[in-house]
Amino acid sequence: MEWLDKEEKELILEEKRLEGEIRPEKAQAGAAHDQIPTLNLFNEIFTLNQNHPERIKAILPRFVNYVVCHMTDKKKGIGRLERGLLGKTV
C-alpha cells in the first residue's frame, strides 16, 4: 500500500511537469494559428500586386509592426527573429 501511495505521488508530479511543458507549446501553436489568416491575406495582396513593388512597400507596414533579430552567433548567422504581425508577437 505504501508503494502505491509513493507511485501515485510520483505520477501526480510527472503529470504537473508535463502540463507545464505542454502549456507553452499550446500557446505557441495558438499564436501561429492566429497568424495564418494574416499571412494568407498578405499572400493574396502580394500576388495581386507582384508587378507593382511600390504598392507592396506601401502595404507592408500594415502587416508588420516590427522585426527584432536576436543573434546567438553573428559569425555563423544563427539566431531567431521576433516579429509582430498586426499587433501580435510571433
PDB file of N, CA and C in Angstrom:
ATOM      1  N   MET A   1       0.826  -1.192   0.000  1.00  0.00           N
ATOM      2  CA  MET A   1       0.000   0.000   0.000  1.00  0.00           C
ATOM      3  C   MET A   1       0.874   1.262   0.000  1.00  0.00           C
ATOM      4  N   GLU A   2       1.924   1.239   0.757  1.00  0.00           N
ATOM      5  CA  GLU A   2       2.855   2.362   0.821  1.00  0.00           C
ATOM      6  C   GLU A   2       3.474   2.615  -0.557  1.00  0.00           C
ATOM      7  N   TRP A   3       3.752   1.516  -1.255  1.00  0.00           N
ATOM      8  CA  TRP A   3       4.337   1.613  -2.593  1.00  0.00           C
ATOM      9  C   TRP A   3       3.368   2.312  -3.553  1.00  0.00           C
ATOM     10  N   LEU A   4       2.076   2.008  -3.431  1.00  0.00           N
ATOM     11  CA  LEU A   4       1.067   2.631  -4.283  1.00  0.00           C
ATOM     12  C   LEU A   4       0.948   4.125  -4.007  1.00  0.00           C
ATOM     13  N   ASP A   5       1.023   4.522  -2.742  1.00  0.00           N
ATOM     14  CA  ASP A   5       0.975   5.945  -2.400  1.00  0.00           C
ATOM     15  C   ASP A   5       2.162   6.684  -3.006  1.00  0.00           C
ATOM     16  N   LYS A   6       3.322   6.078  -2.920  1.00  0.00           N
ATOM     17  CA  LYS A   6       4.524   6.678  -3.482  1.00  0.00           C
ATOM     18  C   LYS A   6       4.401   6.791  -4.998  1.00  0.00           C
ATOM     19  N   GLU A   7       3.919   5.756  -5.627  1.00  0.00           N
ATOM     20  CA  GLU A   7       3.732   5.742  -7.076  1.00  0.00           C
ATOM     21  C   GLU A   7       2.727   6.814  -7.497  1.00  0.00           C
ATOM     22  N   GLU A   8       1.653   6.959  -6.744  1.00  0.00           N
ATOM     23  CA  GLU A   8       0.642   7.970  -7.038  1.00  0.00           C
ATOM     24  C   GLU A   8       1.242   9.379  -6.958  1.00  0.00           C
ATOM     25  N   LYS A   9       2.016   9.646  -5.930  1.00  0.00           N
ATOM     26  CA  LYS A   9       2.648  10.961  -5.777  1.00  0.00           C
ATOM     27  C   LYS A   9       3.603  11.248  -6.924  1.00  0.00           C
ATOM     28  N   GLU A  10       4.360  10.233  -7.341  1.00  0.00           N
ATOM     29  CA  GLU A  10       5.283  10.414  -8.459  1.00  0.00           C
ATOM     30  C   GLU A  10       4.527  10.695  -9.756  1.00  0.00           C
ATOM     31  N   LEU A  11       3.429   9.989  -9.958  1.00  0.00           N
ATOM     32  CA  LEU A  11       2.621  10.216 -11.152  1.00  0.00           C
ATOM     33  C   LEU A  11       1.987  11.610 -11.163  1.00  0.00           C
ATOM     34  N   ILE A  12       1.557  12.065 -10.013  1.00  0.00           N
ATOM     35  CA  ILE A  12       0.983  13.413  -9.911  1.00  0.00           C
ATOM     36  C   ILE A  12       2.035  14.458 -10.245  1.00  0.00           C
ATOM     37  N   LEU A  13       3.247  14.288  -9.725  1.00  0.00           N
ATOM     38  CA  LEU A  13       4.337  15.219 -10.028  1.00  0.00           C
ATOM     39  C   LEU A  13       4.685  15.196 -11.512  1.00  0.00           C
ATOM     40  N   GLU A  14       4.738  14.015 -12.087  1.00  0.00           N
ATOM     41  CA  GLU A  14       5.040  13.884 -13.512  1.00  0.00           C
ATOM     42  C   GLU A  14       3.955  14.534 -14.363  1.00  0.00           C
ATOM     43  N   GLU A  15       2.703  14.365 -13.963  1.00  0.00           N
ATOM     44  CA  GLU A  15       1.598  14.982 -14.685  1.00  0.00           C
ATOM     45  C   GLU A  15       1.711  16.508 -14.643  1.00  0.00           C
ATOM     46  N   LYS A  16       2.015  17.072 -13.501  1.00  0.00           N
ATOM     47  CA  LYS A  16       2.170  18.524 -13.374  1.00  0.00           C
ATOM     48  C   LYS A  16       3.334  19.032 -14.219  1.00  0.00           C
ATOM     49  N   ARG A  17       4.434  18.260 -14.238  1.00  0.00           N
ATOM     50  CA  ARG A  17       5.591  18.647 -15.041  1.00  0.00           C
ATOM     51  C   ARG A  17       5.227  18.666 -16.523  1.00  0.00           C
ATOM     52  N   LEU A  18       4.527  17.636 -16.962  1.00  0.00           N
ATOM     53  CA  LEU A  18       4.119  17.560 -18.365  1.00  0.00           C
ATOM     54  C   LEU A  18       3.138  18.669 -18.733  1.00  0.00           C
ATOM     55  N   GLU A  19       2.219  18.968 -17.836  1.00  0.00           N
ATOM     56  CA  GLU A  19       1.289  20.080 -18.079  1.00  0.00           C
ATOM     57  C   GLU A  19       2.044  21.391 -18.233  1.00  0.00           C
ATOM     58  N   GLY A  20       3.087  21.566 -17.421  1.00  0.00           N
ATOM     59  CA  GLY A  20       3.912  22.770 -17.524  1.00  0.00           C
ATOM     60  C   GLY A  20       4.654  22.855 -18.847  1.00  0.00           C
ATOM     61  N   GLU A  21       5.031  21.723 -19.415  1.00  0.00           N
ATOM     62  CA  GLU A  21       5.695  21.715 -20.710  1.00  0.00           C
ATOM     63  C   GLU A  21       4.718  21.920 -21.857  1.00  0.00           C
ATOM     64  N   ILE A  22       3.524  21.381 -21.721  1.00  0.00           N
ATOM     65  CA  ILE A  22       2.527  21.459 -22.786  1.00  0.00           C
ATOM     66  C   ILE A  22       1.923  22.860 -22.907  1.00  0.00           C
ATOM     67  N   ARG A  23       1.735  23.540 -21.793  1.00  0.00           N
ATOM     68  CA  ARG A  23       1.084  24.851 -21.783  1.00  0.00           C
ATOM     69  C   ARG A  23       1.755  25.843 -22.747  1.00  0.00           C
ATOM     70  N   PRO A  24       3.098  26.043 -22.683  1.00  0.00           N
ATOM     71  CA  PRO A  24       3.708  26.986 -23.629  1.00  0.00           C
ATOM     72  C   PRO A  24       3.630  26.517 -25.082  1.00  0.00           C
ATOM     73  N   GLU A  25       3.670  25.200 -25.291  1.00  0.00           N
ATOM     74  CA  GLU A  25       3.548  24.669 -26.649  1.00  0.00           C
ATOM     75  C   GLU A  25       2.173  24.995 -27.229  1.00  0.00           C
ATOM     76  N   LYS A  26       1.142  24.845 -26.431  1.00  0.00           N
ATOM     77  CA  LYS A  26      -0.211  25.168 -26.890  1.00  0.00           C
ATOM     78  C   LYS A  26      -0.341  26.661 -27.190  1.00  0.00           C
ATOM     79  N   ALA A  27       0.267  27.485 -26.342  1.00  0.00           N
ATOM     80  CA  ALA A  27       0.204  28.937 -26.564  1.00  0.00           C
ATOM     81  C   ALA A  27       0.903  29.309 -27.868  1.00  0.00           C
ATOM     82  N   GLN A  28       2.048  28.702 -28.123  1.00  0.00           N
ATOM     83  CA  GLN A  28       2.786  28.987 -29.352  1.00  0.00           C
ATOM     84  C   GLN A  28       2.003  28.506 -30.570  1.00  0.00           C
ATOM     85  N   ALA A  29       1.414  27.330 -30.478  1.00  0.00           N
ATOM     86  CA  ALA A  29       0.612  26.803 -31.584  1.00  0.00           C
ATOM     87  C   ALA A  29      -0.593  27.709 -31.840  1.00  0.00           C
ATOM     88  N   GLY A  30      -1.212  28.199 -30.776  1.00  0.00           N
ATOM     89  CA  GLY A  30      -2.355  29.100 -30.916  1.00  0.00           C
ATOM     90  C   GLY A  30      -1.959  30.398 -31.594  1.00  0.00           C
ATOM     91  N   ALA A  31      -0.804  30.940 -31.209  1.00  0.00           N
ATOM     92  CA  ALA A  31      -0.331  32.186 -31.820  1.00  0.00           C
ATOM     93  C   ALA A  31      -0.040  31.978 -33.302  1.00  0.00           C
ATOM     94  N   ALA A  32       0.584  30.856 -33.632  1.00  0.00           N
ATOM     95  CA  ALA A  32       0.874  30.561 -35.033  1.00  0.00           C
ATOM     96  C   ALA A  32      -0.428  30.385 -35.815  1.00  0.00           C
ATOM     97  N   HIS A  33      -1.387  29.709 -35.218  1.00  0.00           N
ATOM     98  CA  HIS A  33      -2.686  29.509 -35.868  1.00  0.00           C
ATOM     99  C   HIS A  33      -3.377  30.847 -36.135  1.00  0.00           C
ATOM    100  N   ASP A  34      -3.251  31.786 -35.205  1.00  0.00           N
ATOM    101  CA  ASP A  34      -3.866  33.107 -35.370  1.00  0.00           C
ATOM    102  C   ASP A  34      -3.252  33.888 -36.524  1.00  0.00           C
ATOM    103  N   GLN A  35      -1.988  33.589 -36.859  1.00  0.00           N
ATOM    104  CA  GLN A  35      -1.300  34.332 -37.912  1.00  0.00           C
ATOM    105  C   GLN A  35      -1.637  33.834 -39.312  1.00  0.00           C
ATOM    106  N   ILE A  36      -2.211  32.654 -39.438  1.00  0.00           N
ATOM    107  CA  ILE A  36      -2.495  32.073 -40.760  1.00  0.00           C
ATOM    108  C   ILE A  36      -3.378  32.987 -41.611  1.00  0.00           C
ATOM    109  N   PRO A  37      -4.497  33.511 -41.101  1.00  0.00           N
ATOM    110  CA  PRO A  37      -5.311  34.409 -41.945  1.00  0.00           C
ATOM    111  C   PRO A  37      -4.545  35.659 -42.377  1.00  0.00           C
ATOM    112  N   THR A  38      -3.724  36.206 -41.502  1.00  0.00           N
ATOM    113  CA  THR A  38      -2.935  37.393 -41.843  1.00  0.00           C
ATOM    114  C   THR A  38      -1.973  37.083 -42.979  1.00  0.00           C
ATOM    115  N   LEU A  39      -1.268  35.962 -42.852  1.00  0.00           N
ATOM    116  CA  LEU A  39      -0.306  35.587 -43.886  1.00  0.00           C
ATOM    117  C   LEU A  39      -0.989  35.230 -45.195  1.00  0.00           C
ATOM    118  N   ASN A  40      -2.159  34.607 -45.134  1.00  0.00           N
ATOM    119  CA  ASN A  40      -2.918  34.314 -46.363  1.00  0.00           C
ATOM    120  C   ASN A  40      -3.365  35.598 -47.051  1.00  0.00           C
ATOM    121  N   LEU A  41      -3.808  36.564 -46.260  1.00  0.00           N
ATOM    122  CA  LEU A  41      -4.219  37.849 -46.824  1.00  0.00           C
ATOM    123  C   LEU A  41      -3.027  38.552 -47.465  1.00  0.00           C
ATOM    124  N   PHE A  42      -1.883  38.545 -46.762  1.00  0.00           N
ATOM    125  CA  PHE A  42      -0.697  39.176 -47.340  1.00  0.00           C
ATOM    126  C   PHE A  42      -0.295  38.478 -48.637  1.00  0.00           C
ATOM    127  N   ASN A  43      -0.361  37.151 -48.672  1.00  0.00           N
ATOM    128  CA  ASN A  43      -0.017  36.406 -49.885  1.00  0.00           C
ATOM    129  C   ASN A  43      -0.924  36.810 -51.048  1.00  0.00           C
ATOM    130  N   GLU A  44      -2.205  36.963 -50.760  1.00  0.00           N
ATOM    131  CA  GLU A  44      -3.150  37.366 -51.799  1.00  0.00           C
ATOM    132  C   GLU A  44      -2.826  38.771 -52.319  1.00  0.00           C
ATOM    133  N   ILE A  45      -2.562  39.676 -51.398  1.00  0.00           N
ATOM    134  CA  ILE A  45      -2.222  41.048 -51.800  1.00  0.00           C
ATOM    135  C   ILE A  45      -0.922  41.061 -52.594  1.00  0.00           C
ATOM    136  N   PHE A  46       0.060  40.274 -52.123  1.00  0.00           N
ATOM    137  CA  PHE A  46       1.336  40.198 -52.833  1.00  0.00           C
ATOM    138  C   PHE A  46       1.136  39.665 -54.252  1.00  0.00           C
ATOM    139  N   THR A  47       0.349  38.608 -54.381  1.00  0.00           N
ATOM    140  CA  THR A  47       0.109  38.000 -55.696  1.00  0.00           C
ATOM    141  C   THR A  47      -0.571  38.994 -56.633  1.00  0.00           C
ATOM    142  N   LEU A  48      -1.539  39.723 -56.120  1.00  0.00           N
ATOM    143  CA  LEU A  48      -2.250  40.697 -56.945  1.00  0.00           C
ATOM    144  C   LEU A  48      -1.379  41.884 -57.346  1.00  0.00           C
ATOM    145  N   ASN A  49      -0.347  42.172 -56.540  1.00  0.00           N
ATOM    146  CA  ASN A  49       0.485  43.347 -56.783  1.00  0.00           C
ATOM    147  C   ASN A  49       1.943  42.998 -57.079  1.00  0.00           C
ATOM    148  N   GLN A  50       2.211  41.768 -57.513  1.00  0.00           N
ATOM    149  CA  GLN A  50       3.598  41.366 -57.709  1.00  0.00           C
ATOM    150  C   GLN A  50       4.325  42.178 -58.771  1.00  0.00           C
ATOM    151  N   ASN A  51       3.610  42.789 -59.668  1.00  0.00           N
ATOM    152  CA  ASN A  51       4.234  43.646 -60.682  1.00  0.00           C
ATOM    153  C   ASN A  51       4.270  45.114 -60.263  1.00  0.00           C
ATOM    154  N   HIS A  52       3.856  45.380 -59.024  1.00  0.00           N
ATOM    155  CA  HIS A  52       3.827  46.755 -58.506  1.00  0.00           C
ATOM    156  C   HIS A  52       4.504  46.800 -57.131  1.00  0.00           C
ATOM    157  N   PRO A  53       5.836  46.717 -57.089  1.00  0.00           N
ATOM    158  CA  PRO A  53       6.537  46.667 -55.803  1.00  0.00           C
ATOM    159  C   PRO A  53       6.275  47.893 -54.916  1.00  0.00           C
ATOM    160  N   GLU A  54       5.983  49.033 -55.524  1.00  0.00           N
ATOM    161  CA  GLU A  54       5.710  50.232 -54.718  1.00  0.00           C
ATOM    162  C   GLU A  54       4.436  50.052 -53.891  1.00  0.00           C
ATOM    163  N   ARG A  55       3.460  49.346 -54.421  1.00  0.00           N
ATOM    164  CA  ARG A  55       2.234  49.068 -53.663  1.00  0.00           C
ATOM    165  C   ARG A  55       2.522  48.127 -52.490  1.00  0.00           C
ATOM    166  N   ILE A  56       3.340  47.109 -52.758  1.00  0.00           N
ATOM    167  CA  ILE A  56       3.701  46.161 -51.691  1.00  0.00           C
ATOM    168  C   ILE A  56       4.443  46.893 -50.579  1.00  0.00           C
ATOM    169  N   LYS A  57       5.367  47.781 -50.951  1.00  0.00           N
ATOM    170  CA  LYS A  57       6.111  48.553 -49.948  1.00  0.00           C
ATOM    171  C   LYS A  57       5.177  49.437 -49.128  1.00  0.00           C
ATOM    172  N   ALA A  58       4.145  49.960 -49.757  1.00  0.00           N
ATOM    173  CA  ALA A  58       3.195  50.815 -49.045  1.00  0.00           C
ATOM    174  C   ALA A  58       2.309  50.003 -48.107  1.00  0.00           C
ATOM    175  N   ILE A  59       1.995  48.778 -48.489  1.00  0.00           N
ATOM    176  CA  ILE A  59       1.097  47.932 -47.691  1.00  0.00           C
ATOM    177  C   ILE A  59       1.827  47.222 -46.557  1.00  0.00           C
ATOM    178  N   LEU A  60       3.102  46.904 -46.756  1.00  0.00           N
ATOM    179  CA  LEU A  60       3.864  46.105 -45.803  1.00  0.00           C
ATOM    180  C   LEU A  60       3.791  46.611 -44.353  1.00  0.00           C
ATOM    181  N   PRO A  61       3.904  47.911 -44.092  1.00  0.00           N
ATOM    182  CA  PRO A  61       3.825  48.364 -42.688  1.00  0.00           C
ATOM    183  C   PRO A  61       2.491  48.068 -42.002  1.00  0.00           C
ATOM    184  N   ARG A  62       1.456  47.805 -42.762  1.00  0.00           N
ATOM    185  CA  ARG A  62       0.166  47.456 -42.157  1.00  0.00           C
ATOM    186  C   ARG A  62       0.141  46.018 -41.667  1.00  0.00           C
ATOM    187  N   PHE A  63       1.066  45.198 -42.158  1.00  0.00           N
ATOM    188  CA  PHE A  63       1.131  43.799 -41.760  1.00  0.00           C
ATOM    189  C   PHE A  63       2.223  43.538 -40.731  1.00  0.00           C
ATOM    190  N   VAL A  64       3.325  44.251 -40.848  1.00  0.00           N
ATOM    191  CA  VAL A  64       4.470  44.008 -39.971  1.00  0.00           C
ATOM    192  C   VAL A  64       4.664  45.234 -39.087  1.00  0.00           C
ATOM    193  N   ASN A  65       4.471  45.038 -37.774  1.00  0.00           N
ATOM    194  CA  ASN A  65       4.684  46.144 -36.842  1.00  0.00           C
ATOM    195  C   ASN A  65       6.155  46.319 -36.524  1.00  0.00           C
ATOM    196  N   TYR A  66       6.865  45.192 -36.339  1.00  0.00           N
ATOM    197  CA  TYR A  66       8.291  45.255 -36.029  1.00  0.00           C
ATOM    198  C   TYR A  66       8.944  43.910 -36.276  1.00  0.00           C
ATOM    199  N   VAL A  67      10.255  43.947 -36.432  1.00  0.00           N
ATOM    200  CA  VAL A  67      11.072  42.736 -36.538  1.00  0.00           C
ATOM    201  C   VAL A  67      12.309  42.976 -35.690  1.00  0.00           C
ATOM    202  N   VAL A  68      12.606  42.032 -34.792  1.00  0.00           N
ATOM    203  CA  VAL A  68      13.806  42.112 -33.950  1.00  0.00           C
ATOM    204  C   VAL A  68      14.601  40.832 -34.172  1.00  0.00           C
ATOM    205  N   CYS A  69      15.871  40.983 -34.458  1.00  0.00           N
ATOM    206  CA  CYS A  69      16.743  39.826 -34.674  1.00  0.00           C
ATOM    207  C   CYS A  69      17.559  39.595 -33.401  1.00  0.00           C
ATOM    208  N   HIS A  70      17.436  38.414 -32.820  1.00  0.00           N
ATOM    209  CA  HIS A  70      18.202  38.025 -31.632  1.00  0.00           C
ATOM    210  C   HIS A  70      19.297  37.069 -32.094  1.00  0.00           C
ATOM    211  N   MET A  71      20.509  37.574 -32.290  1.00  0.00           N
ATOM    212  CA  MET A  71      21.610  36.760 -32.797  1.00  0.00           C
ATOM    213  C   MET A  71      22.298  36.032 -31.641  1.00  0.00           C
ATOM    214  N   THR A  72      22.469  34.720 -31.799  1.00  0.00           N
ATOM    215  CA  THR A  72      23.212  33.935 -30.817  1.00  0.00           C
ATOM    216  C   THR A  72      24.643  33.718 -31.284  1.00  0.00           C
ATOM    217  N   ASP A  73      24.854  33.732 -32.600  1.00  0.00           N
ATOM    218  CA  ASP A  73      26.190  33.597 -33.166  1.00  0.00           C
ATOM    219  C   ASP A  73      26.239  34.415 -34.453  1.00  0.00           C
ATOM    220  N   LYS A  74      26.773  35.634 -34.364  1.00  0.00           N
ATOM    221  CA  LYS A  74      26.783  36.537 -35.518  1.00  0.00           C
ATOM    222  C   LYS A  74      27.646  36.008 -36.656  1.00  0.00           C
ATOM    223  N   LYS A  75      28.764  35.362 -36.331  1.00  0.00           N
ATOM    224  CA  LYS A  75      29.649  34.857 -37.379  1.00  0.00           C
ATOM    225  C   LYS A  75      28.979  33.778 -38.217  1.00  0.00           C
ATOM    226  N   LYS A  76      28.220  32.909 -37.574  1.00  0.00           N
ATOM    227  CA  LYS A  76      27.542  31.824 -38.287  1.00  0.00           C
ATOM    228  C   LYS A  76      26.158  32.237 -38.771  1.00  0.00           C
ATOM    229  N   GLY A  77      25.693  33.406 -38.341  1.00  0.00           N
ATOM    230  CA  GLY A  77      24.371  33.868 -38.736  1.00  0.00           C
ATOM    231  C   GLY A  77      23.240  33.100 -38.066  1.00  0.00           C
ATOM    232  N   ILE A  78      23.489  32.664 -36.835  1.00  0.00           N
ATOM    233  CA  ILE A  78      22.497  31.883 -36.103  1.00  0.00           C
ATOM    234  C   ILE A  78      21.762  32.794 -35.123  1.00  0.00           C
ATOM    235  N   GLY A  79      20.457  32.671 -35.111  1.00  0.00           N
ATOM    236  CA  GLY A  79      19.647  33.460 -34.195  1.00  0.00           C
ATOM    237  C   GLY A  79      18.176  33.191 -34.444  1.00  0.00           C
ATOM    238  N   ARG A  80      17.354  34.083 -33.936  1.00  0.00           N
ATOM    239  CA  ARG A  80      15.923  33.934 -34.159  1.00  0.00           C
ATOM    240  C   ARG A  80      15.319  35.310 -34.384  1.00  0.00           C
ATOM    241  N   LEU A  81      14.233  35.333 -35.105  1.00  0.00           N
ATOM    242  CA  LEU A  81      13.521  36.575 -35.372  1.00  0.00           C
ATOM    243  C   LEU A  81      12.282  36.654 -34.509  1.00  0.00           C
ATOM    244  N   GLU A  82      12.063  37.807 -33.960  1.00  0.00           N
ATOM    245  CA  GLU A  82      10.815  38.102 -33.247  1.00  0.00           C
ATOM    246  C   GLU A  82      10.105  39.135 -34.100  1.00  0.00           C
ATOM    247  N   ARG A  83       8.866  38.857 -34.459  1.00  0.00           N
ATOM    248  CA  ARG A  83       8.162  39.786 -35.315  1.00  0.00           C
ATOM    249  C   ARG A  83       6.744  39.988 -34.835  1.00  0.00           C
ATOM    250  N   GLY A  84       6.252  41.148 -35.081  1.00  0.00           N
ATOM    251  CA  GLY A  84       4.877  41.470 -34.725  1.00  0.00           C
ATOM    252  C   GLY A  84       4.059  41.669 -35.977  1.00  0.00           C
ATOM    253  N   LEU A  85       3.054  40.843 -36.175  1.00  0.00           N
ATOM    254  CA  LEU A  85       2.162  40.965 -37.310  1.00  0.00           C
ATOM    255  C   LEU A  85       0.800  41.429 -36.840  1.00  0.00           C
ATOM    256  N   LEU A  86       0.343  42.529 -37.379  1.00  0.00           N
ATOM    257  CA  LEU A  86      -0.952  43.078 -36.998  1.00  0.00           C
ATOM    258  C   LEU A  86      -1.148  43.160 -35.498  1.00  0.00           C
ATOM    259  N   GLY A  87      -0.119  43.610 -34.793  1.00  0.00           N
ATOM    260  CA  GLY A  87      -0.216  43.819 -33.348  1.00  0.00           C
ATOM    261  C   GLY A  87       0.015  42.604 -32.504  1.00  0.00           C
ATOM    262  N   LYS A  88       0.354  41.452 -33.090  1.00  0.00           N
ATOM    263  CA  LYS A  88       0.603  40.242 -32.311  1.00  0.00           C
ATOM    264  C   LYS A  88       2.044  39.816 -32.475  1.00  0.00           C
ATOM    265  N   THR A  89       2.660  39.382 -31.393  1.00  0.00           N
ATOM    266  CA  THR A  89       4.027  38.919 -31.440  1.00  0.00           C
ATOM    267  C   THR A  89       4.070  37.466 -31.881  1.00  0.00           C
ATOM    268  N   VAL A  90       4.977  37.171 -32.797  1.00  0.00           N
ATOM    269  CA  VAL A  90       5.157  35.787 -33.261  1.00  0.00           C
ATOM    270  C   VAL A  90       6.576  35.369 -32.966  1.00  0.00           C
TER     271      VAL A  90
END
